[in-house]
Amino acid sequence: MKKSDIQYTIRAVPEDVDDALRKNSVREGCSLNNYVIDTLRKGAGLSDTQLFHDLDFLSGKWIKDEVCENALEEFNRIDEGMWK
């Protein structure tokens, strides 16, 4: 049996735990299985990545501002003298 074929059967999962796991998996945009495995990994102290969600509310909210666009345009200019 390959390590990736190991399966667990967990009985008597409390309803509030089931609800939270399912809601969190939807919020994270992943399957319940993947979410539970990731949660087990973190609980076992094996998580090597830390996800931050503190700026998620800004995602997709860019408002085009002409003054800002003009200021950022400076970053697109190449100083040919520096490349000689």
C-alpha atoms as a PDB file:
ATOM      1  CA  MET A   1       0.000   0.000   0.000  1.00  0.00           C
ATOM      2  CA  LYS A   2       1.323   3.408  -0.988  1.00  0.00           C
ATOM      3  CA  LYS A   3       1.391   6.129   1.639  1.00  0.00           C
ATOM      4  CA  SER A   4      -1.019   8.145  -0.496  1.00  0.00           C
ATOM      5  CA  ASP A   5      -3.556   5.290  -0.270  1.00  0.00           C
ATOM      6  CA  ILE A   6      -3.915   5.461   3.524  1.00  0.00           C
ATOM      7  CA  GLN A   7      -7.485   6.143   4.544  1.00  0.00           C
ATOM      8  CA  TYR A   8      -9.056   7.012   7.866  1.00  0.00           C
ATOM      9  CA  THR A   9     -12.578   6.474   9.062  1.00  0.00           C
ATOM     10  CA  ILE A  10     -13.539   8.937  11.752  1.00  0.00           C
ATOM     11  CA  ARG A  11     -16.688   8.202  13.720  1.00  0.00           C
ATOM     12  CA  ALA A  12     -18.894  10.337  15.932  1.00  0.00           C
ATOM     13  CA  VAL A  13     -17.829  13.672  14.482  1.00  0.00           C
ATOM     14  CA  PRO A  14     -19.803  16.297  16.406  1.00  0.00           C
ATOM     15  CA  GLU A  15     -22.292  18.214  14.284  1.00  0.00           C
ATOM     16  CA  ASP A  16     -20.700  21.587  15.089  1.00  0.00           C
ATOM     17  CA  VAL A  17     -17.287  20.289  13.990  1.00  0.00           C
ATOM     18  CA  ASP A  18     -18.776  18.907  10.763  1.00  0.00           C
ATOM     19  CA  ASP A  19     -20.532  22.215  10.063  1.00  0.00           C
ATOM     20  CA  ALA A  20     -17.365  24.228  10.696  1.00  0.00           C
ATOM     21  CA  LEU A  21     -15.203  21.961   8.523  1.00  0.00           C
ATOM     22  CA  ARG A  22     -17.671  22.096   5.655  1.00  0.00           C
ATOM     23  CA  LYS A  23     -18.123  25.877   5.859  1.00  0.00           C
ATOM     24  CA  ASN A  24     -14.375  26.446   6.064  1.00  0.00           C
ATOM     25  CA  SER A  25     -13.695  24.190   3.076  1.00  0.00           C
ATOM     26  CA  VAL A  26     -16.201  26.188   1.007  1.00  0.00           C
ATOM     27  CA  ARG A  27     -14.666  29.474   2.204  1.00  0.00           C
ATOM     28  CA  GLU A  28     -11.180  28.220   1.275  1.00  0.00           C
ATOM     29  CA  GLY A  29     -12.439  26.959  -2.093  1.00  0.00           C
ATOM     30  CA  CYS A  30     -11.254  23.393  -1.640  1.00  0.00           C
ATOM     31  CA  SER A  31     -12.768  19.967  -1.111  1.00  0.00           C
ATOM     32  CA  LEU A  32     -13.725  18.833   2.359  1.00  0.00           C
ATOM     33  CA  ASN A  33     -11.116  16.065   2.082  1.00  0.00           C
ATOM     34  CA  ASN A  34      -8.301  18.494   1.244  1.00  0.00           C
ATOM     35  CA  TYR A  35      -9.391  20.882   3.973  1.00  0.00           C
ATOM     36  CA  VAL A  36      -9.476  18.141   6.617  1.00  0.00           C
ATOM     37  CA  ILE A  37      -6.047  16.833   5.536  1.00  0.00           C
ATOM     38  CA  ASP A  38      -4.610  20.365   5.728  1.00  0.00           C
ATOM     39  CA  THR A  39      -6.204  20.861   9.160  1.00  0.00           C
ATOM     40  CA  LEU A  40      -4.761  17.539  10.369  1.00  0.00           C
ATOM     41  CA  ARG A  41      -1.346  18.532   8.985  1.00  0.00           C
ATOM     42  CA  LYS A  42      -1.455  21.836  10.883  1.00  0.00           C
ATOM     43  CA  GLY A  43      -2.671  20.132  14.044  1.00  0.00           C
ATOM     44  CA  ALA A  44       0.194  17.657  13.814  1.00  0.00           C
ATOM     45  CA  GLY A  45       2.678  20.526  13.539  1.00  0.00           C
ATOM     46  CA  LEU A  46       3.610  19.671   9.957  1.00  0.00           C
ATOM     47  CA  SER A  47       2.394  22.796   8.199  1.00  0.00           C
ATOM     48  CA  ASP A  48       5.284  24.585   6.530  1.00  0.00           C
ATOM     49  CA  THR A  49       3.206  27.365   5.030  1.00  0.00           C
ATOM     50  CA  GLN A  50       1.195  30.043   6.699  1.00  0.00           C
ATOM     51  CA  LEU A  51      -1.708  31.595   4.869  1.00  0.00           C
ATOM     52  CA  PHE A  52      -2.684  35.159   5.511  1.00  0.00           C
ATOM     53  CA  HIS A  53      -6.153  36.437   4.768  1.00  0.00           C
ATOM     54  CA  ASP A  54      -5.913  39.886   6.301  1.00  0.00           C
ATOM     55  CA  LEU A  55      -5.916  41.678   2.913  1.00  0.00           C
ATOM     56  CA  ASP A  56      -8.451  39.457   1.126  1.00  0.00           C
ATOM     57  CA  PHE A  57     -11.064  42.218   1.285  1.00  0.00           C
ATOM     58  CA  LEU A  58      -8.918  44.253  -1.149  1.00  0.00           C
ATOM     59  CA  SER A  59      -8.828  41.558  -3.814  1.00  0.00           C
ATOM     60  CA  GLY A  60     -10.432  42.747  -7.043  1.00  0.00           C
ATOM     61  CA  LYS A  61     -11.009  46.261  -5.734  1.00  0.00           C
ATOM     62  CA  TRP A  62      -8.430  48.200  -7.781  1.00  0.00           C
ATOM     63  CA  ILE A  63      -9.785  51.564  -8.849  1.00  0.00           C
ATOM     64  CA  LYS A  64      -7.969  53.212 -11.713  1.00  0.00           C
ATOM     65  CA  ASP A  65      -6.628  56.576 -10.630  1.00  0.00           C
ATOM     66  CA  GLU A  66      -4.925  58.750 -13.236  1.00  0.00           C
ATOM     67  CA  VAL A  67      -2.540  60.362 -10.725  1.00  0.00           C
ATOM     68  CA  CYS A  68      -1.466  56.951  -9.446  1.00  0.00           C
ATOM     69  CA  GLU A  69      -1.143  55.571 -12.990  1.00  0.00           C
ATOM     70  CA  ASN A  70       1.125  58.487 -13.948  1.00  0.00           C
ATOM     71  CA  ALA A  71       3.289  57.919 -10.876  1.00  0.00           C
ATOM     72  CA  LEU A  72       3.572  54.191 -11.640  1.00  0.00           C
ATOM     73  CA  GLU A  73       4.491  54.909 -15.258  1.00  0.00           C
ATOM     74  CA  GLU A  74       7.941  55.964 -14.028  1.00  0.00           C
ATOM     75  CA  PHE A  75       8.630  52.298 -13.222  1.00  0.00           C
ATOM     76  CA  ASN A  76       8.128  51.360 -16.884  1.00  0.00           C
ATOM     77  CA  ARG A  77      10.834  53.723 -18.125  1.00  0.00           C
ATOM     78  CA  ILE A  78      14.220  52.219 -18.954  1.00  0.00           C
ATOM     79  CA  ASP A  79      17.301  54.333 -18.369  1.00  0.00           C
ATOM     80  CA  GLU A  80      19.420  53.296 -21.354  1.00  0.00           C
ATOM     81  CA  GLY A  81      22.505  54.851 -19.743  1.00  0.00           C
ATOM     82  CA  MET A  82      22.359  52.318 -16.920  1.00  0.00           C
ATOM     83  CA  TRP A  83      22.546  49.385 -19.348  1.00  0.00           C
ATOM     84  CA  LYS A  84      25.848  50.222 -21.017  1.00  0.00           C
END
